[in-house]
Amino acid sequence: MLRYTCKRILTGILSLFVLVTAAFFLTRMMPGSPFQTGNVTESVLESMEEEYGLNDPPVRQYQTYLGNLLKGDLGVSFKKPGVSVSEVIGRAWPATASLGALAILAAVVVGTCLGIWQASTKNRAVKGGIFFGTILGTGIPNFVIALLLMLCFGVKLKLLPIAGLKSAANYVLPVISLAVYPASVIARLMQNTFREEMSRDYVVLAKAKGLKWRRTAVTHILKNAWIPVLNYIGPAAAFLMTGSFVVESVFTIPGLGREFVNSIANRDYTLILGLTIFMGVTVIVINLLTDLLCACLDPRVRRAYR
């Protein structure tokens, strides 16, 4: 188990290094300058770029940035004078974290229940309905779902608020928008694995012993069937991070997603890099935790690294 943990940590560190390197040089390839506006003269533009080191060769800029990063310094926003990237992240991450946590919780609960229902029911209408629903859920982009929910429940029916996160009601529409896709994927995963587990010998033995179906399903089948779902939590977290970019903009939520979109529009290099690193670390940590939890639940993983 220790060997497996060390390997996963090293893989995460390597992934983060590649992410930082790729993001740094991609931002430097963006056309224009972060200080380039209609009111800035050429001389002022050159002096500002000189002050922030943007006139240095890209490799030297990279070395400087990496050195500061190792000290925990993410730099200062180019478009928000005097405001550090850490301050921007500190203000924005609670909104994104709360949305993401609620969305993944809703996706896991709804997806698991739908998958079990589809696998265990004999009603063809229910099976077909869930199957069709999951196809739609994985096929419709979350920004389309967000706009449809906003128009229906916010603009037409006026049942729910459509901007900000001032109350619990504000969370409903953005959480649903983010949760639909992962819930659909989880439902399909659970349906397949649950159906496979139902045909295992231990389930037949449990039935022969007279164990109630609910106890067999919860105690035995669900534990094994949920391992593929647990493996999906990491990719789901990455999806929610990227999905929040558009959803937060649609519902005007002051989170990391909206900050990221604005930073790209403003060519704010340091903020783009800081947000990329923060979200990358978050996804890597979630992947690491889910991998370790899977290793605890699945003896085959532990045996492979003995």
Protein backbone atom coordinates (compact mmCIF):
# COMPACT_ATOMS: atom_id res chain seq x y z
CA MET A 1 0.00 0.00 0.00
CA LEU A 2 2.89 2.37 0.81
CA ARG A 3 4.48 1.65 -2.56
CA TYR A 4 1.19 2.37 -4.34
CA THR A 5 0.74 5.64 -2.40
CA CYS A 6 4.27 6.83 -3.22
CA LYS A 7 3.79 6.03 -6.89
CA ARG A 8 0.52 7.97 -7.04
CA ILE A 9 2.08 10.98 -5.28
CA LEU A 10 5.05 11.03 -7.67
CA THR A 11 2.69 10.74 -10.64
CA GLY A 12 0.71 13.69 -9.30
CA ILE A 13 3.85 15.83 -8.89
CA LEU A 14 4.99 15.01 -12.43
CA SER A 15 1.52 15.82 -13.81
CA LEU A 16 1.55 19.17 -12.01
CA PHE A 17 5.01 20.02 -13.40
CA VAL A 18 3.87 19.24 -16.95
CA LEU A 19 0.69 21.29 -16.40
CA VAL A 20 2.61 24.33 -15.11
CA THR A 21 5.14 24.15 -17.95
CA ALA A 22 2.50 23.77 -20.68
CA ALA A 23 0.29 26.52 -19.22
CA PHE A 24 3.21 28.95 -18.88
CA PHE A 25 4.40 28.69 -22.48
CA LEU A 26 0.86 28.61 -23.88
CA THR A 27 0.06 31.91 -22.15
CA ARG A 28 3.22 33.43 -23.63
CA MET A 29 1.99 32.40 -27.09
CA MET A 30 -1.21 34.42 -26.68
CA PRO A 31 -1.31 37.39 -29.10
CA GLY A 32 -1.04 40.91 -27.73
CA SER A 33 -0.01 42.21 -24.33
CA PRO A 34 -1.94 42.25 -21.03
CA PHE A 35 -1.31 46.01 -20.88
CA GLN A 36 -2.36 46.71 -24.46
CA THR A 37 -5.38 49.01 -24.51
CA GLY A 38 -6.48 51.86 -26.71
CA ASN A 39 -5.26 54.54 -24.28
CA VAL A 40 -1.74 53.19 -23.65
CA THR A 41 1.11 54.61 -25.71
CA GLU A 42 3.94 52.46 -27.06
CA SER A 43 6.48 53.88 -24.61
CA VAL A 44 4.23 53.28 -21.60
CA LEU A 45 3.49 49.75 -22.84
CA GLU A 46 7.20 48.97 -23.13
CA SER A 47 7.96 50.33 -19.65
CA MET A 48 5.15 48.28 -18.08
CA GLU A 49 6.29 45.11 -19.82
CA GLU A 50 9.84 45.83 -18.67
CA GLU A 51 8.63 46.31 -15.08
CA TYR A 52 6.88 42.91 -15.07
CA GLY A 53 9.73 41.15 -16.88
CA LEU A 54 7.72 40.41 -20.02
CA ASN A 55 10.59 41.57 -22.24
CA ASP A 56 12.87 38.83 -20.93
CA PRO A 57 13.33 35.63 -22.97
CA PRO A 58 10.53 33.10 -22.28
CA VAL A 59 12.94 30.60 -20.71
CA ARG A 60 14.20 33.21 -18.23
CA GLN A 61 10.60 34.21 -17.42
CA TYR A 62 9.83 30.54 -16.83
CA GLN A 63 12.79 30.10 -14.49
CA THR A 64 11.79 33.19 -12.52
CA TYR A 65 8.17 32.08 -12.27
CA LEU A 66 9.11 28.55 -11.23
CA GLY A 67 11.45 29.89 -8.55
CA ASN A 68 8.71 32.13 -7.13
CA LEU A 69 6.20 29.26 -7.34
CA LEU A 70 8.44 27.01 -5.24
CA LYS A 71 8.36 29.77 -2.58
CA GLY A 72 4.55 29.80 -2.69
CA ASP A 73 4.34 33.09 -4.61
CA LEU A 74 1.78 33.00 -7.45
CA GLY A 75 2.50 36.59 -8.43
CA VAL A 76 0.35 39.69 -8.83
CA SER A 77 -2.57 40.13 -11.20
CA PHE A 78 -1.71 42.32 -14.19
CA LYS A 79 -5.25 43.67 -14.44
CA LYS A 80 -5.85 44.18 -10.71
CA PRO A 81 -2.96 46.37 -9.50
CA GLY A 82 -1.80 45.54 -5.99
CA VAL A 83 -3.95 42.39 -5.79
CA SER A 84 -2.12 39.08 -5.58
CA VAL A 85 -3.29 35.97 -7.41
CA SER A 86 -3.61 34.23 -4.04
CA GLU A 87 -6.10 36.90 -2.91
CA VAL A 88 -8.21 36.43 -6.05
CA ILE A 89 -8.25 32.66 -5.55
CA GLY A 90 -9.02 33.07 -1.84
CA ARG A 91 -12.11 35.16 -2.64
CA ALA A 92 -13.35 33.00 -5.52
CA TRP A 93 -12.73 29.38 -4.50
CA PRO A 94 -15.46 29.05 -1.79
CA ALA A 95 -18.23 29.59 -4.37
CA THR A 96 -16.75 27.07 -6.81
CA ALA A 97 -15.98 24.56 -4.06
CA SER A 98 -19.51 24.70 -2.64
CA LEU A 99 -21.07 24.32 -6.10
CA GLY A 100 -18.73 21.47 -7.02
CA ALA A 101 -19.25 19.60 -3.75
CA LEU A 102 -23.04 19.85 -3.98
CA ALA A 103 -23.00 18.88 -7.67
CA ILE A 104 -20.83 15.79 -7.16
CA LEU A 105 -22.90 14.76 -4.13
CA ALA A 106 -26.13 15.11 -6.12
CA ALA A 107 -24.58 13.27 -9.08
CA VAL A 108 -23.40 10.35 -6.93
CA VAL A 109 -26.72 9.96 -5.09
CA VAL A 110 -28.98 10.36 -8.13
CA GLY A 111 -26.71 8.40 -10.49
CA THR A 112 -26.28 5.50 -8.06
CA CYS A 113 -30.02 5.25 -7.38
CA LEU A 114 -30.93 5.40 -11.08
CA GLY A 115 -28.28 2.82 -11.98
CA ILE A 116 -29.47 0.37 -9.32
CA TRP A 117 -33.09 0.92 -10.31
CA GLN A 118 -32.35 0.31 -13.99
CA ALA A 119 -30.30 -2.82 -13.24
CA SER A 120 -32.78 -4.41 -10.82
CA THR A 121 -36.18 -3.50 -12.27
CA LYS A 122 -38.05 -5.68 -14.74
CA ASN A 123 -40.19 -2.80 -15.98
CA ARG A 124 -39.16 -2.09 -19.57
CA ALA A 125 -40.63 1.41 -19.51
CA VAL A 126 -38.46 2.34 -16.51
CA LYS A 127 -35.37 0.80 -18.10
CA GLY A 128 -36.00 2.65 -21.36
CA GLY A 129 -36.77 5.93 -19.63
CA ILE A 130 -33.58 5.88 -17.56
CA PHE A 131 -31.51 4.83 -20.58
CA PHE A 132 -32.95 7.64 -22.72
CA GLY A 133 -32.45 10.14 -19.89
CA THR A 134 -28.79 9.23 -19.43
CA ILE A 135 -28.20 9.50 -23.20
CA LEU A 136 -29.62 13.03 -23.13
CA GLY A 137 -27.69 13.86 -19.97
CA THR A 138 -24.37 12.93 -21.52
CA GLY A 139 -25.16 14.50 -24.88
CA ILE A 140 -26.41 17.98 -23.97
CA PRO A 141 -23.70 20.51 -22.97
CA ASN A 142 -24.05 21.92 -19.46
CA PHE A 143 -24.28 25.51 -20.70
CA VAL A 144 -27.35 24.56 -22.76
CA ILE A 145 -28.89 22.93 -19.68
CA ALA A 146 -28.04 26.04 -17.65
CA LEU A 147 -29.71 28.35 -20.17
CA LEU A 148 -32.81 26.14 -20.44
CA LEU A 149 -33.17 25.95 -16.66
CA MET A 150 -32.69 29.71 -16.36
CA LEU A 151 -35.30 30.48 -19.02
CA CYS A 152 -37.82 27.96 -17.66
CA PHE A 153 -37.58 28.28 -13.87
CA GLY A 154 -36.04 31.73 -13.57
CA VAL A 155 -37.45 33.88 -16.36
CA LYS A 156 -40.78 32.24 -17.29
CA LEU A 157 -42.00 30.66 -14.05
CA LYS A 158 -39.96 32.92 -11.73
CA LEU A 159 -39.63 30.10 -9.19
CA LEU A 160 -35.89 30.34 -8.58
CA PRO A 161 -33.28 33.13 -8.60
CA ILE A 162 -30.87 33.17 -11.53
CA ALA A 163 -27.93 35.28 -10.35
CA GLY A 164 -25.37 35.07 -7.55
CA LEU A 165 -25.29 32.83 -4.48
CA LYS A 166 -27.17 34.93 -1.95
CA SER A 167 -29.39 32.13 -0.62
CA ALA A 168 -29.83 28.36 -0.73
CA ALA A 169 -32.30 28.76 -3.62
CA ASN A 170 -29.54 30.29 -5.76
CA TYR A 171 -27.66 26.98 -5.70
CA VAL A 172 -30.46 24.88 -7.22
CA LEU A 173 -30.14 25.74 -10.92
CA PRO A 174 -26.31 25.85 -11.18
CA VAL A 175 -25.95 22.62 -9.17
CA ILE A 176 -28.44 20.83 -11.44
CA SER A 177 -26.65 22.21 -14.52
CA LEU A 178 -23.33 20.83 -13.30
CA ALA A 179 -24.67 17.53 -11.94
CA VAL A 180 -26.62 16.27 -14.98
CA TYR A 181 -23.63 14.96 -16.96
CA PRO A 182 -21.75 13.16 -14.11
CA ALA A 183 -25.04 11.76 -12.77
CA SER A 184 -25.79 10.27 -16.19
CA VAL A 185 -22.32 8.73 -16.44
CA ILE A 186 -22.54 7.32 -12.91
CA ALA A 187 -25.99 5.86 -13.64
CA ARG A 188 -24.66 4.01 -16.67
CA LEU A 189 -21.58 2.78 -14.79
CA MET A 190 -23.66 1.62 -11.84
CA GLN A 191 -26.21 -0.10 -14.06
CA ASN A 192 -23.52 -2.12 -15.83
CA THR A 193 -21.50 -3.09 -12.75
CA PHE A 194 -24.55 -3.74 -10.56
CA ARG A 195 -26.01 -6.06 -13.18
CA GLU A 196 -22.70 -7.93 -13.44
CA GLU A 197 -22.45 -8.31 -9.67
CA MET A 198 -26.02 -9.65 -9.49
CA SER A 199 -24.91 -12.73 -11.44
CA ARG A 200 -21.92 -13.49 -9.18
CA ASP A 201 -21.79 -16.70 -7.14
CA TYR A 202 -21.84 -14.88 -3.80
CA VAL A 203 -25.20 -13.31 -4.68
CA VAL A 204 -26.64 -16.70 -5.62
CA LEU A 205 -25.32 -18.07 -2.32
CA ALA A 206 -26.85 -15.18 -0.38
CA LYS A 207 -30.22 -15.87 -1.99
CA ALA A 208 -29.89 -19.58 -1.16
CA LYS A 209 -29.27 -18.67 2.48
CA GLY A 210 -32.49 -16.71 2.53
CA LEU A 211 -30.97 -13.23 2.91
CA LYS A 212 -33.33 -10.40 2.04
CA TRP A 213 -32.69 -8.73 -1.31
CA ARG A 214 -32.24 -5.26 0.20
CA ARG A 215 -29.60 -6.49 2.64
CA THR A 216 -27.77 -8.40 -0.10
CA ALA A 217 -27.83 -5.38 -2.41
CA VAL A 218 -26.61 -2.87 0.18
CA THR A 219 -24.15 -5.05 2.09
CA HIS A 220 -22.57 -7.03 -0.73
CA ILE A 221 -23.45 -5.96 -4.27
CA LEU A 222 -23.26 -2.19 -3.83
CA LYS A 223 -19.80 -2.30 -2.23
CA ASN A 224 -18.29 -4.05 -5.25
CA ALA A 225 -20.38 -2.30 -7.87
CA TRP A 226 -19.44 1.14 -6.55
CA ILE A 227 -15.67 0.78 -7.18
CA PRO A 228 -15.88 1.88 -10.88
CA VAL A 229 -18.05 4.80 -9.75
CA LEU A 230 -15.41 5.79 -7.21
CA ASN A 231 -12.79 5.69 -9.97
CA TYR A 232 -14.91 8.17 -11.91
CA ILE A 233 -14.98 10.76 -9.09
CA GLY A 234 -11.60 12.16 -10.18
CA PRO A 235 -12.60 12.76 -13.82
CA ALA A 236 -15.94 14.08 -12.56
CA ALA A 237 -14.11 16.65 -10.43
CA ALA A 238 -12.13 17.75 -13.49
CA PHE A 239 -15.37 18.01 -15.49
CA LEU A 240 -16.99 20.13 -12.78
CA MET A 241 -13.98 22.44 -12.70
CA THR A 242 -14.13 23.05 -16.45
CA GLY A 243 -17.93 23.03 -16.50
CA SER A 244 -18.00 25.76 -13.87
CA PHE A 245 -16.35 28.17 -16.36
CA VAL A 246 -19.53 28.55 -18.38
CA VAL A 247 -22.10 27.84 -15.66
CA GLU A 248 -20.66 30.49 -13.34
CA SER A 249 -20.71 33.00 -16.19
CA VAL A 250 -24.33 32.16 -17.03
CA PHE A 251 -25.51 32.58 -13.44
CA THR A 252 -23.05 35.44 -12.64
CA ILE A 253 -21.43 33.51 -9.79
CA PRO A 254 -18.17 35.05 -8.50
CA GLY A 255 -16.19 31.80 -8.58
CA LEU A 256 -12.99 30.44 -10.09
CA GLY A 257 -14.66 29.66 -13.41
CA ARG A 258 -15.73 33.24 -14.04
CA GLU A 259 -12.34 34.55 -12.90
CA PHE A 260 -10.65 32.15 -15.33
CA VAL A 261 -12.80 33.28 -18.27
CA ASN A 262 -12.14 36.95 -17.43
CA SER A 263 -8.40 36.36 -17.04
CA ILE A 264 -8.20 34.82 -20.53
CA ALA A 265 -10.19 37.70 -22.03
CA ASN A 266 -7.85 40.20 -20.31
CA ARG A 267 -4.66 38.21 -21.09
CA ASP A 268 -3.82 38.26 -17.37
CA TYR A 269 -0.96 35.73 -17.52
CA THR A 270 -0.26 35.38 -13.82
CA LEU A 271 -3.93 34.94 -12.95
CA ILE A 272 -4.40 32.35 -15.71
CA LEU A 273 -1.40 30.40 -14.40
CA GLY A 274 -2.43 30.71 -10.76
CA LEU A 275 -5.96 29.50 -11.42
CA THR A 276 -4.68 26.67 -13.63
CA ILE A 277 -2.27 25.52 -10.92
CA PHE A 278 -4.89 25.74 -8.17
CA MET A 279 -7.49 23.79 -10.13
CA GLY A 280 -4.86 21.30 -11.28
CA VAL A 281 -3.74 20.65 -7.71
CA THR A 282 -7.37 20.23 -6.64
CA VAL A 283 -8.06 17.63 -9.33
CA ILE A 284 -4.78 15.79 -8.64
CA VAL A 285 -5.50 15.62 -4.89
CA ILE A 286 -9.06 14.36 -5.49
CA ASN A 287 -7.71 11.73 -7.89
CA LEU A 288 -5.11 10.66 -5.33
CA LEU A 289 -7.70 10.33 -2.55
CA THR A 290 -10.11 8.35 -4.72
CA ASP A 291 -7.30 6.06 -5.90
CA LEU A 292 -6.26 5.38 -2.30
CA LEU A 293 -9.88 4.73 -1.31
CA CYS A 294 -10.25 2.33 -4.25
CA ALA A 295 -7.08 0.55 -3.13
CA CYS A 296 -8.54 0.15 0.37
CA LEU A 297 -11.79 -1.27 -1.01
CA ASP A 298 -10.28 -3.43 -3.77
CA PRO A 299 -7.79 -6.09 -2.56
CA ARG A 300 -6.58 -6.64 -6.14
CA VAL A 301 -4.97 -3.19 -6.20
CA ARG A 302 -3.18 -3.80 -2.90
CA ARG A 303 -1.90 -7.20 -4.06
CA ALA A 304 -0.53 -5.70 -7.28
CA TYR A 305 1.83 -3.41 -5.34
CA ARG A 306 3.08 -5.75 -2.64
